[in-house]
Amino acid sequence: MTSHLRPALSLLILLTLITGLLYPLAVTGLAQLVFPWQANGSVLARQGRAVGSALIGQNFTAPGYFWSRPSATATYPYNGLASGGSNLGPTNPALREAVRARIAALRAADPGNTAPVPVDLVTASASGLDPDISLAAARYQAARVARVRHLPLARVQALIDAQAHPRWLGLFGTPRVNVLELNLALDGTPPQRAE
């Protein structure tokens, strides 16, 4: 019996050390060396203080900021631990009502804007934590943000263009803008007399 137990325990201890300690330390060390910003959570800071991650969306509701995609986590105080979609299908009346309510809220926040509302401003993603919106969604909100912040519309549009991320490898996905990064750039722009 001991002849079977000793090698089994030795192998258990060896594999525990390799897979439970050495391998995770090696991967963590390599990630810190090669991709330190990503390995540490892609944290964005303002004045030396962390304000969020570039990977996790935040709920902006003030009219002077660009708004993110709707999130199922917004029923809590935008809690990333509550990640998940609403699981409402396209034929579900509750989804249609939610979209109508979101369109009404966008129209109420910017009554002069008669452009079609981009779909990503009224539908949530599967995770509910998308940090990005389409360029169309950012441009849809540009006039409201410019008006509230007393900025020329051209300056706000230039900020959108400066913060835009192209398709990955020029092929995959859609051009997009990270909402937190855009709002941080917006906060760094002094108000001017709108023309």
N, C-alpha and C. Protein backbone atom coordinates (compact mmCIF):
# COMPACT_ATOMS: atom_id res chain seq x y z
N MET A 1 0.83 -1.19 0.00
CA MET A 1 0.00 0.00 0.00
C MET A 1 0.87 1.25 0.00
N THR A 2 1.92 1.26 0.81
CA THR A 2 2.82 2.41 0.87
C THR A 2 3.55 2.60 -0.45
N SER A 3 3.79 1.52 -1.12
CA SER A 3 4.49 1.63 -2.41
C SER A 3 3.63 2.36 -3.44
N HIS A 4 2.33 2.38 -3.29
CA HIS A 4 1.44 3.11 -4.21
C HIS A 4 1.14 4.52 -3.70
N LEU A 5 1.09 4.67 -2.41
CA LEU A 5 0.71 5.95 -1.81
C LEU A 5 1.83 6.97 -1.92
N ARG A 6 3.07 6.58 -1.69
CA ARG A 6 4.20 7.51 -1.72
C ARG A 6 4.37 8.14 -3.11
N PRO A 7 4.41 7.39 -4.22
CA PRO A 7 4.53 8.05 -5.53
C PRO A 7 3.32 8.93 -5.86
N ALA A 8 2.12 8.52 -5.45
CA ALA A 8 0.92 9.32 -5.73
C ALA A 8 0.99 10.66 -4.99
N LEU A 9 1.38 10.65 -3.72
CA LEU A 9 1.50 11.90 -2.96
C LEU A 9 2.63 12.77 -3.50
N SER A 10 3.73 12.15 -3.88
CA SER A 10 4.86 12.90 -4.45
C SER A 10 4.43 13.59 -5.74
N LEU A 11 3.73 12.86 -6.59
CA LEU A 11 3.26 13.42 -7.85
C LEU A 11 2.23 14.53 -7.61
N LEU A 12 1.35 14.33 -6.63
CA LEU A 12 0.37 15.36 -6.28
C LEU A 12 1.07 16.64 -5.83
N ILE A 13 2.07 16.53 -4.98
CA ILE A 13 2.80 17.71 -4.48
C ILE A 13 3.55 18.38 -5.63
N LEU A 14 4.21 17.58 -6.47
CA LEU A 14 4.97 18.13 -7.59
C LEU A 14 4.05 18.87 -8.57
N LEU A 15 2.94 18.25 -8.96
CA LEU A 15 2.02 18.89 -9.90
C LEU A 15 1.34 20.11 -9.28
N THR A 16 1.07 20.06 -7.98
CA THR A 16 0.49 21.23 -7.30
C THR A 16 1.46 22.39 -7.34
N LEU A 17 2.74 22.14 -7.10
CA LEU A 17 3.74 23.20 -7.16
C LEU A 17 3.89 23.75 -8.58
N ILE A 18 3.90 22.85 -9.57
CA ILE A 18 4.08 23.30 -10.96
C ILE A 18 2.86 24.06 -11.45
N THR A 19 1.67 23.45 -11.34
CA THR A 19 0.47 24.07 -11.92
C THR A 19 -0.19 25.10 -11.00
N GLY A 20 0.04 24.99 -9.72
CA GLY A 20 -0.61 25.92 -8.79
C GLY A 20 0.26 27.07 -8.36
N LEU A 21 1.58 26.97 -8.57
CA LEU A 21 2.46 28.03 -8.10
C LEU A 21 3.41 28.52 -9.21
N LEU A 22 4.22 27.63 -9.75
CA LEU A 22 5.23 28.03 -10.73
C LEU A 22 4.61 28.55 -12.02
N TYR A 23 3.66 27.81 -12.60
CA TYR A 23 3.05 28.25 -13.85
C TYR A 23 2.33 29.59 -13.71
N PRO A 24 1.47 29.78 -12.69
CA PRO A 24 0.83 31.10 -12.55
C PRO A 24 1.82 32.23 -12.33
N LEU A 25 2.88 31.99 -11.56
CA LEU A 25 3.89 33.03 -11.36
C LEU A 25 4.61 33.36 -12.66
N ALA A 26 4.93 32.34 -13.46
CA ALA A 26 5.60 32.57 -14.74
C ALA A 26 4.71 33.36 -15.70
N VAL A 27 3.45 32.98 -15.80
CA VAL A 27 2.53 33.68 -16.69
C VAL A 27 2.31 35.12 -16.23
N THR A 28 2.14 35.33 -14.94
CA THR A 28 1.96 36.67 -14.40
C THR A 28 3.20 37.52 -14.63
N GLY A 29 4.38 36.95 -14.39
CA GLY A 29 5.62 37.68 -14.63
C GLY A 29 5.80 38.05 -16.09
N LEU A 30 5.50 37.12 -16.99
CA LEU A 30 5.61 37.39 -18.42
C LEU A 30 4.61 38.47 -18.84
N ALA A 31 3.40 38.39 -18.34
CA ALA A 31 2.39 39.41 -18.66
C ALA A 31 2.82 40.78 -18.16
N GLN A 32 3.38 40.85 -16.95
CA GLN A 32 3.85 42.13 -16.41
C GLN A 32 5.00 42.69 -17.24
N LEU A 33 5.82 41.80 -17.77
CA LEU A 33 6.97 42.21 -18.56
C LEU A 33 6.56 42.67 -19.96
N VAL A 34 5.69 41.90 -20.62
CA VAL A 34 5.35 42.16 -22.01
C VAL A 34 4.16 43.12 -22.16
N PHE A 35 3.12 42.96 -21.33
CA PHE A 35 1.90 43.77 -21.42
C PHE A 35 1.53 44.34 -20.05
N PRO A 36 2.34 45.22 -19.46
CA PRO A 36 2.06 45.66 -18.08
C PRO A 36 0.74 46.42 -17.93
N TRP A 37 0.38 47.27 -18.90
CA TRP A 37 -0.86 48.05 -18.76
C TRP A 37 -2.06 47.13 -18.77
N GLN A 38 -2.09 46.18 -19.70
CA GLN A 38 -3.21 45.24 -19.80
C GLN A 38 -3.24 44.29 -18.60
N ALA A 39 -2.07 43.83 -18.16
CA ALA A 39 -2.01 42.89 -17.05
C ALA A 39 -2.50 43.51 -15.74
N ASN A 40 -2.43 44.82 -15.65
CA ASN A 40 -2.87 45.50 -14.44
C ASN A 40 -4.29 46.06 -14.55
N GLY A 41 -5.05 45.61 -15.55
CA GLY A 41 -6.46 45.97 -15.64
C GLY A 41 -6.79 47.11 -16.57
N SER A 42 -5.83 47.62 -17.35
CA SER A 42 -6.07 48.72 -18.29
C SER A 42 -6.72 49.91 -17.58
N VAL A 43 -6.14 50.28 -16.45
CA VAL A 43 -6.71 51.33 -15.59
C VAL A 43 -6.43 52.71 -16.17
N LEU A 44 -7.46 53.53 -16.24
CA LEU A 44 -7.35 54.92 -16.68
C LEU A 44 -7.35 55.81 -15.45
N ALA A 45 -6.50 56.84 -15.47
CA ALA A 45 -6.37 57.71 -14.31
C ALA A 45 -6.56 59.17 -14.72
N ARG A 46 -7.01 59.95 -13.76
CA ARG A 46 -7.10 61.40 -13.91
C ARG A 46 -6.44 62.01 -12.68
N GLN A 47 -5.47 62.86 -12.91
CA GLN A 47 -4.73 63.51 -11.83
C GLN A 47 -4.16 62.47 -10.85
N GLY A 48 -3.64 61.38 -11.41
CA GLY A 48 -2.99 60.35 -10.61
C GLY A 48 -3.94 59.43 -9.85
N ARG A 49 -5.23 59.58 -10.05
CA ARG A 49 -6.22 58.75 -9.35
C ARG A 49 -6.97 57.89 -10.35
N ALA A 50 -7.07 56.60 -10.06
CA ALA A 50 -7.78 55.68 -10.96
C ALA A 50 -9.25 56.05 -11.04
N VAL A 51 -9.77 56.14 -12.27
CA VAL A 51 -11.18 56.48 -12.46
C VAL A 51 -11.96 55.37 -13.14
N GLY A 52 -11.28 54.34 -13.59
CA GLY A 52 -11.96 53.22 -14.23
C GLY A 52 -11.02 52.44 -15.12
N SER A 53 -11.57 51.43 -15.74
CA SER A 53 -10.82 50.60 -16.66
C SER A 53 -11.28 50.86 -18.08
N ALA A 54 -10.35 50.79 -19.01
CA ALA A 54 -10.71 50.95 -20.42
C ALA A 54 -11.49 49.75 -20.93
N LEU A 55 -11.57 48.69 -20.13
CA LEU A 55 -12.24 47.46 -20.55
C LEU A 55 -13.66 47.30 -20.04
N ILE A 56 -14.06 48.16 -19.09
CA ILE A 56 -15.38 48.01 -18.47
C ILE A 56 -16.14 49.32 -18.58
N GLY A 57 -17.33 49.24 -19.15
CA GLY A 57 -18.14 50.43 -19.34
C GLY A 57 -18.62 51.03 -18.02
N GLN A 58 -18.88 52.32 -18.06
CA GLN A 58 -19.42 53.03 -16.91
C GLN A 58 -20.71 53.73 -17.33
N ASN A 59 -21.55 53.97 -16.37
CA ASN A 59 -22.85 54.58 -16.65
C ASN A 59 -22.75 56.09 -16.50
N PHE A 60 -22.76 56.80 -17.63
CA PHE A 60 -22.76 58.26 -17.62
C PHE A 60 -24.18 58.72 -17.95
N THR A 61 -24.72 59.61 -17.12
CA THR A 61 -26.08 60.10 -17.36
C THR A 61 -26.16 61.61 -17.45
N ALA A 62 -25.12 62.33 -17.04
CA ALA A 62 -25.13 63.79 -17.12
C ALA A 62 -25.11 64.21 -18.59
N PRO A 63 -25.88 65.23 -18.96
CA PRO A 63 -25.97 65.62 -20.36
C PRO A 63 -24.66 66.14 -20.95
N GLY A 64 -23.72 66.55 -20.11
CA GLY A 64 -22.43 67.04 -20.60
C GLY A 64 -21.42 65.95 -20.89
N TYR A 65 -21.84 64.71 -20.77
CA TYR A 65 -20.96 63.58 -21.05
C TYR A 65 -21.56 62.72 -22.15
N PHE A 66 -20.69 61.98 -22.83
CA PHE A 66 -21.16 60.98 -23.77
C PHE A 66 -21.68 59.80 -22.96
N TRP A 67 -22.81 59.26 -23.39
CA TRP A 67 -23.43 58.15 -22.69
C TRP A 67 -22.99 56.82 -23.30
N SER A 68 -22.89 55.84 -22.44
CA SER A 68 -22.50 54.49 -22.86
C SER A 68 -23.72 53.73 -23.36
N ARG A 69 -23.46 52.49 -23.77
CA ARG A 69 -24.57 51.59 -24.10
C ARG A 69 -25.38 51.31 -22.85
N PRO A 70 -26.66 51.05 -22.99
CA PRO A 70 -27.45 50.64 -21.83
C PRO A 70 -26.90 49.34 -21.25
N SER A 71 -27.13 49.16 -19.97
CA SER A 71 -26.59 47.97 -19.31
C SER A 71 -27.61 47.37 -18.38
N ALA A 72 -27.65 46.05 -18.37
CA ALA A 72 -28.52 45.36 -17.41
C ALA A 72 -28.01 45.57 -16.00
N THR A 73 -26.73 45.94 -15.86
CA THR A 73 -26.18 46.18 -14.53
C THR A 73 -26.61 47.52 -13.96
N ALA A 74 -27.22 48.36 -14.79
CA ALA A 74 -27.64 49.67 -14.31
C ALA A 74 -28.78 49.58 -13.31
N THR A 75 -29.42 48.42 -13.20
CA THR A 75 -30.47 48.28 -12.18
C THR A 75 -29.85 48.28 -10.79
N TYR A 76 -28.60 47.94 -10.72
CA TYR A 76 -27.80 48.10 -9.50
C TYR A 76 -27.06 49.41 -9.71
N PRO A 77 -26.25 49.86 -8.76
CA PRO A 77 -25.48 51.07 -9.08
C PRO A 77 -24.34 50.76 -10.05
N TYR A 78 -24.67 50.30 -11.25
CA TYR A 78 -23.72 49.93 -12.31
C TYR A 78 -22.61 49.06 -11.74
N ASN A 79 -22.99 47.95 -11.26
CA ASN A 79 -22.10 47.02 -10.59
C ASN A 79 -21.56 46.00 -11.60
N GLY A 80 -20.26 46.03 -11.84
CA GLY A 80 -19.64 45.11 -12.78
C GLY A 80 -19.79 43.66 -12.38
N LEU A 81 -20.02 43.39 -11.10
CA LEU A 81 -20.20 42.01 -10.65
C LEU A 81 -21.55 41.46 -11.11
N ALA A 82 -22.44 42.34 -11.52
CA ALA A 82 -23.76 41.91 -11.97
C ALA A 82 -23.80 41.79 -13.49
N SER A 83 -22.67 41.53 -14.10
CA SER A 83 -22.57 41.46 -15.55
C SER A 83 -23.54 40.44 -16.13
N GLY A 84 -24.13 40.80 -17.23
CA GLY A 84 -25.04 39.89 -17.92
C GLY A 84 -26.07 40.67 -18.70
N GLY A 85 -26.56 40.06 -19.74
CA GLY A 85 -27.57 40.69 -20.56
C GLY A 85 -28.95 40.49 -19.97
N SER A 86 -29.93 41.11 -20.59
CA SER A 86 -31.31 40.97 -20.13
C SER A 86 -31.93 39.68 -20.61
N ASN A 87 -31.31 39.05 -21.64
CA ASN A 87 -31.83 37.83 -22.26
C ASN A 87 -33.19 38.02 -22.90
N LEU A 88 -33.51 39.25 -23.28
CA LEU A 88 -34.77 39.51 -23.98
C LEU A 88 -34.53 39.35 -25.47
N GLY A 89 -35.32 38.51 -26.11
CA GLY A 89 -35.18 38.28 -27.55
C GLY A 89 -35.82 39.39 -28.35
N PRO A 90 -35.56 39.44 -29.66
CA PRO A 90 -36.07 40.52 -30.50
C PRO A 90 -37.59 40.57 -30.61
N THR A 91 -38.27 39.47 -30.32
CA THR A 91 -39.73 39.48 -30.40
C THR A 91 -40.38 39.73 -29.04
N ASN A 92 -39.58 39.91 -28.02
CA ASN A 92 -40.11 40.12 -26.67
C ASN A 92 -40.66 41.54 -26.54
N PRO A 93 -41.92 41.70 -26.12
CA PRO A 93 -42.49 43.05 -25.97
C PRO A 93 -41.74 43.89 -24.93
N ALA A 94 -41.15 43.26 -23.93
CA ALA A 94 -40.40 44.01 -22.91
C ALA A 94 -39.17 44.68 -23.54
N LEU A 95 -38.54 44.02 -24.48
CA LEU A 95 -37.39 44.63 -25.16
C LEU A 95 -37.85 45.83 -26.00
N ARG A 96 -38.95 45.68 -26.72
CA ARG A 96 -39.47 46.80 -27.52
C ARG A 96 -39.79 47.99 -26.62
N GLU A 97 -40.39 47.73 -25.48
CA GLU A 97 -40.73 48.82 -24.56
C GLU A 97 -39.46 49.48 -23.99
N ALA A 98 -38.46 48.67 -23.66
CA ALA A 98 -37.20 49.21 -23.14
C ALA A 98 -36.52 50.08 -24.19
N VAL A 99 -36.53 49.64 -25.45
CA VAL A 99 -35.92 50.42 -26.52
C VAL A 99 -36.70 51.72 -26.73
N ARG A 100 -38.02 51.65 -26.71
CA ARG A 100 -38.84 52.88 -26.85
C ARG A 100 -38.53 53.87 -25.72
N ALA A 101 -38.40 53.37 -24.50
CA ALA A 101 -38.11 54.24 -23.36
C ALA A 101 -36.72 54.87 -23.50
N ARG A 102 -35.77 54.10 -23.98
CA ARG A 102 -34.41 54.64 -24.16
C ARG A 102 -34.37 55.69 -25.26
N ILE A 103 -35.12 55.46 -26.34
CA ILE A 103 -35.19 56.46 -27.41
C ILE A 103 -35.85 57.73 -26.87
N ALA A 104 -36.90 57.59 -26.09
CA ALA A 104 -37.57 58.75 -25.51
C ALA A 104 -36.63 59.54 -24.59
N ALA A 105 -35.81 58.83 -23.81
CA ALA A 105 -34.86 59.50 -22.92
C ALA A 105 -33.81 60.26 -23.72
N LEU A 106 -33.34 59.67 -24.81
CA LEU A 106 -32.35 60.35 -25.66
C LEU A 106 -32.97 61.57 -26.32
N ARG A 107 -34.20 61.44 -26.80
CA ARG A 107 -34.88 62.58 -27.43
C ARG A 107 -35.15 63.69 -26.40
N ALA A 108 -35.50 63.31 -25.18
CA ALA A 108 -35.76 64.31 -24.14
C ALA A 108 -34.48 65.05 -23.76
N ALA A 109 -33.35 64.36 -23.78
CA ALA A 109 -32.08 64.99 -23.41
C ALA A 109 -31.58 65.93 -24.51
N ASP A 110 -32.04 65.71 -25.74
CA ASP A 110 -31.60 66.52 -26.88
C ASP A 110 -32.77 66.68 -27.85
N PRO A 111 -33.78 67.50 -27.47
CA PRO A 111 -35.01 67.57 -28.27
C PRO A 111 -34.82 68.06 -29.69
N GLY A 112 -33.78 68.81 -29.98
CA GLY A 112 -33.57 69.32 -31.32
C GLY A 112 -32.94 68.29 -32.26
N ASN A 113 -32.49 67.18 -31.72
CA ASN A 113 -31.82 66.17 -32.53
C ASN A 113 -32.87 65.25 -33.16
N THR A 114 -33.01 65.34 -34.48
CA THR A 114 -34.00 64.52 -35.18
C THR A 114 -33.36 63.37 -35.95
N ALA A 115 -32.04 63.20 -35.80
CA ALA A 115 -31.34 62.12 -36.50
C ALA A 115 -31.80 60.76 -35.96
N PRO A 116 -31.70 59.72 -36.77
CA PRO A 116 -32.04 58.39 -36.26
C PRO A 116 -31.12 58.01 -35.10
N VAL A 117 -31.67 57.38 -34.08
CA VAL A 117 -30.88 56.99 -32.92
C VAL A 117 -30.10 55.72 -33.25
N PRO A 118 -28.76 55.75 -33.08
CA PRO A 118 -27.97 54.54 -33.35
C PRO A 118 -28.38 53.39 -32.43
N VAL A 119 -28.39 52.21 -32.97
CA VAL A 119 -28.89 51.04 -32.26
C VAL A 119 -28.12 50.75 -30.97
N ASP A 120 -26.82 51.04 -30.94
CA ASP A 120 -26.05 50.71 -29.74
C ASP A 120 -26.35 51.65 -28.57
N LEU A 121 -27.09 52.73 -28.80
CA LEU A 121 -27.49 53.58 -27.68
C LEU A 121 -28.80 53.11 -27.03
N VAL A 122 -29.46 52.16 -27.66
CA VAL A 122 -30.75 51.71 -27.11
C VAL A 122 -30.80 50.21 -26.82
N THR A 123 -29.75 49.48 -27.19
CA THR A 123 -29.71 48.04 -26.92
C THR A 123 -28.46 47.72 -26.11
N ALA A 124 -28.61 46.84 -25.13
CA ALA A 124 -27.48 46.44 -24.29
C ALA A 124 -26.74 45.29 -24.95
N SER A 125 -25.49 45.15 -24.58
CA SER A 125 -24.69 44.02 -25.08
C SER A 125 -24.94 42.80 -24.21
N ALA A 126 -24.37 41.69 -24.59
CA ALA A 126 -24.54 40.46 -23.82
C ALA A 126 -23.95 40.58 -22.43
N SER A 127 -22.80 41.24 -22.30
CA SER A 127 -22.18 41.36 -20.98
C SER A 127 -22.77 42.50 -20.19
N GLY A 128 -23.26 43.52 -20.89
CA GLY A 128 -23.75 44.71 -20.19
C GLY A 128 -22.64 45.62 -19.73
N LEU A 129 -21.41 45.35 -20.14
CA LEU A 129 -20.27 46.14 -19.67
C LEU A 129 -19.45 46.74 -20.79
N ASP A 130 -20.02 46.88 -21.99
CA ASP A 130 -19.27 47.40 -23.12
C ASP A 130 -18.69 48.78 -22.82
N PRO A 131 -17.38 48.94 -23.03
CA PRO A 131 -16.77 50.25 -22.80
C PRO A 131 -16.86 51.17 -24.01
N ASP A 132 -17.22 50.61 -25.17
CA ASP A 132 -17.18 51.36 -26.43
C ASP A 132 -18.58 51.60 -26.99
N ILE A 133 -18.66 52.65 -27.79
CA ILE A 133 -19.85 52.90 -28.61
C ILE A 133 -19.36 53.14 -30.03
N SER A 134 -20.25 53.01 -30.98
CA SER A 134 -19.89 53.26 -32.38
C SER A 134 -19.63 54.74 -32.58
N LEU A 135 -18.94 55.05 -33.67
CA LEU A 135 -18.72 56.45 -34.01
C LEU A 135 -20.05 57.16 -34.28
N ALA A 136 -21.00 56.43 -34.85
CA ALA A 136 -22.33 57.01 -35.09
C ALA A 136 -23.00 57.39 -33.78
N ALA A 137 -22.85 56.56 -32.75
CA ALA A 137 -23.45 56.85 -31.44
C ALA A 137 -22.78 58.06 -30.80
N ALA A 138 -21.47 58.17 -30.96
CA ALA A 138 -20.76 59.33 -30.41
C ALA A 138 -21.16 60.61 -31.16
N ARG A 139 -21.23 60.52 -32.47
CA ARG A 139 -21.59 61.70 -33.27
C ARG A 139 -23.04 62.12 -33.02
N TYR A 140 -23.90 61.15 -32.75
CA TYR A 140 -25.29 61.47 -32.43
C TYR A 140 -25.37 62.35 -31.17
N GLN A 141 -24.48 62.13 -30.22
CA GLN A 141 -24.50 62.85 -28.95
C GLN A 141 -23.68 64.13 -28.96
N ALA A 142 -22.89 64.35 -30.01
CA ALA A 142 -21.93 65.45 -30.04
C ALA A 142 -22.59 66.82 -29.85
N ALA A 143 -23.70 67.08 -30.50
CA ALA A 143 -24.34 68.40 -30.40
C ALA A 143 -24.81 68.68 -28.97
N ARG A 144 -25.39 67.68 -28.31
CA ARG A 144 -25.84 67.85 -26.92
C ARG A 144 -24.66 68.17 -26.00
N VAL A 145 -23.59 67.40 -26.14
CA VAL A 145 -22.41 67.60 -25.30
C VAL A 145 -21.80 68.98 -25.56
N ALA A 146 -21.69 69.37 -26.83
CA ALA A 146 -21.12 70.67 -27.17
C ALA A 146 -21.96 71.80 -26.58
N ARG A 147 -23.28 71.69 -26.70
CA ARG A 147 -24.17 72.73 -26.18
C ARG A 147 -24.05 72.85 -24.66
N VAL A 148 -24.09 71.74 -23.96
CA VAL A 148 -24.04 71.76 -22.49
C VAL A 148 -22.69 72.26 -21.99
N ARG A 149 -21.63 71.89 -22.68
CA ARG A 149 -20.28 72.28 -22.25
C ARG A 149 -19.80 73.60 -22.84
N HIS A 150 -20.63 74.23 -23.63
CA HIS A 150 -20.28 75.51 -24.27
C HIS A 150 -19.00 75.37 -25.10
N LEU A 151 -18.98 74.33 -25.91
CA LEU A 151 -17.86 74.08 -26.82
C LEU A 151 -18.36 74.15 -28.26
N PRO A 152 -17.50 74.55 -29.17
CA PRO A 152 -17.89 74.48 -30.58
C PRO A 152 -18.09 73.02 -30.98
N LEU A 153 -19.11 72.77 -31.77
CA LEU A 153 -19.40 71.41 -32.22
C LEU A 153 -18.20 70.80 -32.94
N ALA A 154 -17.49 71.59 -33.70
CA ALA A 154 -16.32 71.09 -34.43
C ALA A 154 -15.25 70.57 -33.46
N ARG A 155 -15.11 71.23 -32.30
CA ARG A 155 -14.12 70.79 -31.31
C ARG A 155 -14.52 69.45 -30.72
N VAL A 156 -15.79 69.25 -30.43
CA VAL A 156 -16.27 67.98 -29.89
C VAL A 156 -16.12 66.88 -30.94
N GLN A 157 -16.44 67.19 -32.17
CA GLN A 157 -16.28 66.19 -33.23
C GLN A 157 -14.80 65.83 -33.44
N ALA A 158 -13.92 66.81 -33.28
CA ALA A 158 -12.48 66.54 -33.38
C ALA A 158 -12.02 65.63 -32.24
N LEU A 159 -12.58 65.81 -31.05
CA LEU A 159 -12.27 64.92 -29.93
C LEU A 159 -12.71 63.49 -30.23
N ILE A 160 -13.89 63.35 -30.81
CA ILE A 160 -14.38 62.01 -31.18
C ILE A 160 -13.41 61.37 -32.17
N ASP A 161 -13.03 62.12 -33.18
CA ASP A 161 -12.12 61.58 -34.19
C ASP A 161 -10.76 61.22 -33.59
N ALA A 162 -10.28 62.04 -32.65
CA ALA A 162 -8.99 61.78 -32.01
C ALA A 162 -9.03 60.53 -31.14
N GLN A 163 -10.18 60.24 -30.55
CA GLN A 163 -10.32 59.08 -29.66
C GLN A 163 -10.79 57.83 -30.39
N ALA A 164 -11.07 57.93 -31.66
CA ALA A 164 -11.62 56.79 -32.42
C ALA A 164 -10.60 55.67 -32.57
N HIS A 165 -11.08 54.45 -32.44
CA HIS A 165 -10.28 53.25 -32.66
C HIS A 165 -10.77 52.61 -33.96
N PRO A 166 -9.85 52.30 -34.88
CA PRO A 166 -10.28 51.70 -36.16
C PRO A 166 -10.63 50.23 -35.99
N ARG A 167 -11.04 49.61 -37.08
CA ARG A 167 -11.28 48.17 -37.08
C ARG A 167 -9.99 47.47 -36.69
N TRP A 168 -10.10 46.36 -35.96
CA TRP A 168 -8.93 45.60 -35.56
C TRP A 168 -8.31 44.96 -36.80
N LEU A 169 -7.03 45.19 -37.00
CA LEU A 169 -6.29 44.73 -38.18
C LEU A 169 -6.90 45.27 -39.48
N GLY A 170 -7.70 46.31 -39.37
CA GLY A 170 -8.33 46.89 -40.54
C GLY A 170 -9.48 46.08 -41.10
N LEU A 171 -9.82 44.96 -40.44
CA LEU A 171 -10.84 44.05 -40.97
C LEU A 171 -11.98 43.75 -40.01
N PHE A 172 -11.67 43.56 -38.75
CA PHE A 172 -12.64 43.00 -37.81
C PHE A 172 -13.26 44.08 -36.92
N GLY A 173 -14.56 43.95 -36.68
CA GLY A 173 -15.26 44.88 -35.82
C GLY A 173 -15.67 46.14 -36.57
N THR A 174 -16.06 47.14 -35.81
CA THR A 174 -16.45 48.42 -36.40
C THR A 174 -15.63 49.52 -35.74
N PRO A 175 -15.43 50.63 -36.42
CA PRO A 175 -14.77 51.76 -35.77
C PRO A 175 -15.57 52.16 -34.53
N ARG A 176 -14.88 52.49 -33.47
CA ARG A 176 -15.55 52.72 -32.19
C ARG A 176 -14.77 53.74 -31.37
N VAL A 177 -15.37 54.15 -30.28
CA VAL A 177 -14.72 55.07 -29.35
C VAL A 177 -14.99 54.57 -27.93
N ASN A 178 -13.96 54.62 -27.09
CA ASN A 178 -14.11 54.23 -25.69
C ASN A 178 -14.74 55.41 -24.96
N VAL A 179 -15.88 55.19 -24.33
CA VAL A 179 -16.64 56.28 -23.72
C VAL A 179 -15.89 56.93 -22.57
N LEU A 180 -15.26 56.14 -21.72
CA LEU A 180 -14.52 56.72 -20.59
C LEU A 180 -13.33 57.55 -21.09
N GLU A 181 -12.59 57.03 -22.05
CA GLU A 181 -11.47 57.79 -22.60
C GLU A 181 -11.95 59.09 -23.24
N LEU A 182 -13.05 59.02 -23.97
CA LEU A 182 -13.60 60.22 -24.61
C LEU A 182 -14.05 61.24 -23.57
N ASN A 183 -14.72 60.79 -22.52
CA ASN A 183 -15.17 61.71 -21.48
C ASN A 183 -14.00 62.31 -20.70
N LEU A 184 -12.94 61.54 -20.50
CA LEU A 184 -11.75 62.09 -19.84
C LEU A 184 -11.10 63.15 -20.72
N ALA A 185 -11.03 62.91 -22.03
CA ALA A 185 -10.49 63.91 -22.96
C ALA A 185 -11.38 65.16 -22.96
N LEU A 186 -12.68 64.94 -22.87
CA LEU A 186 -13.63 66.05 -22.83
C LEU A 186 -13.43 66.88 -21.56
N ASP A 187 -13.20 66.22 -20.43
CA ASP A 187 -12.96 66.94 -19.18
C ASP A 187 -11.69 67.78 -19.24
N GLY A 188 -10.74 67.37 -20.08
CA GLY A 188 -9.51 68.13 -20.23
C GLY A 188 -9.61 69.28 -21.22
N THR A 189 -10.78 69.49 -21.79
CA THR A 189 -11.00 70.55 -22.76
C THR A 189 -11.68 71.73 -22.08
N PRO A 190 -11.00 72.89 -22.05
CA PRO A 190 -11.62 74.05 -21.38
C PRO A 190 -12.84 74.57 -22.16
N PRO A 191 -13.86 75.06 -21.43
CA PRO A 191 -15.03 75.58 -22.13
C PRO A 191 -14.67 76.82 -22.97
N GLN A 192 -15.37 76.96 -24.07
CA GLN A 192 -15.19 78.11 -24.95
C GLN A 192 -16.57 78.62 -25.34
N ARG A 193 -16.56 79.79 -25.92
CA ARG A 193 -17.83 80.32 -26.43
C ARG A 193 -18.18 79.54 -27.69
N ALA A 194 -19.32 78.88 -27.69
CA ALA A 194 -19.75 78.10 -28.86
C ALA A 194 -20.06 79.06 -30.00
N GLU A 195 -19.68 78.66 -31.21
CA GLU A 195 -19.93 79.52 -32.38
C GLU A 195 -21.20 79.13 -33.08
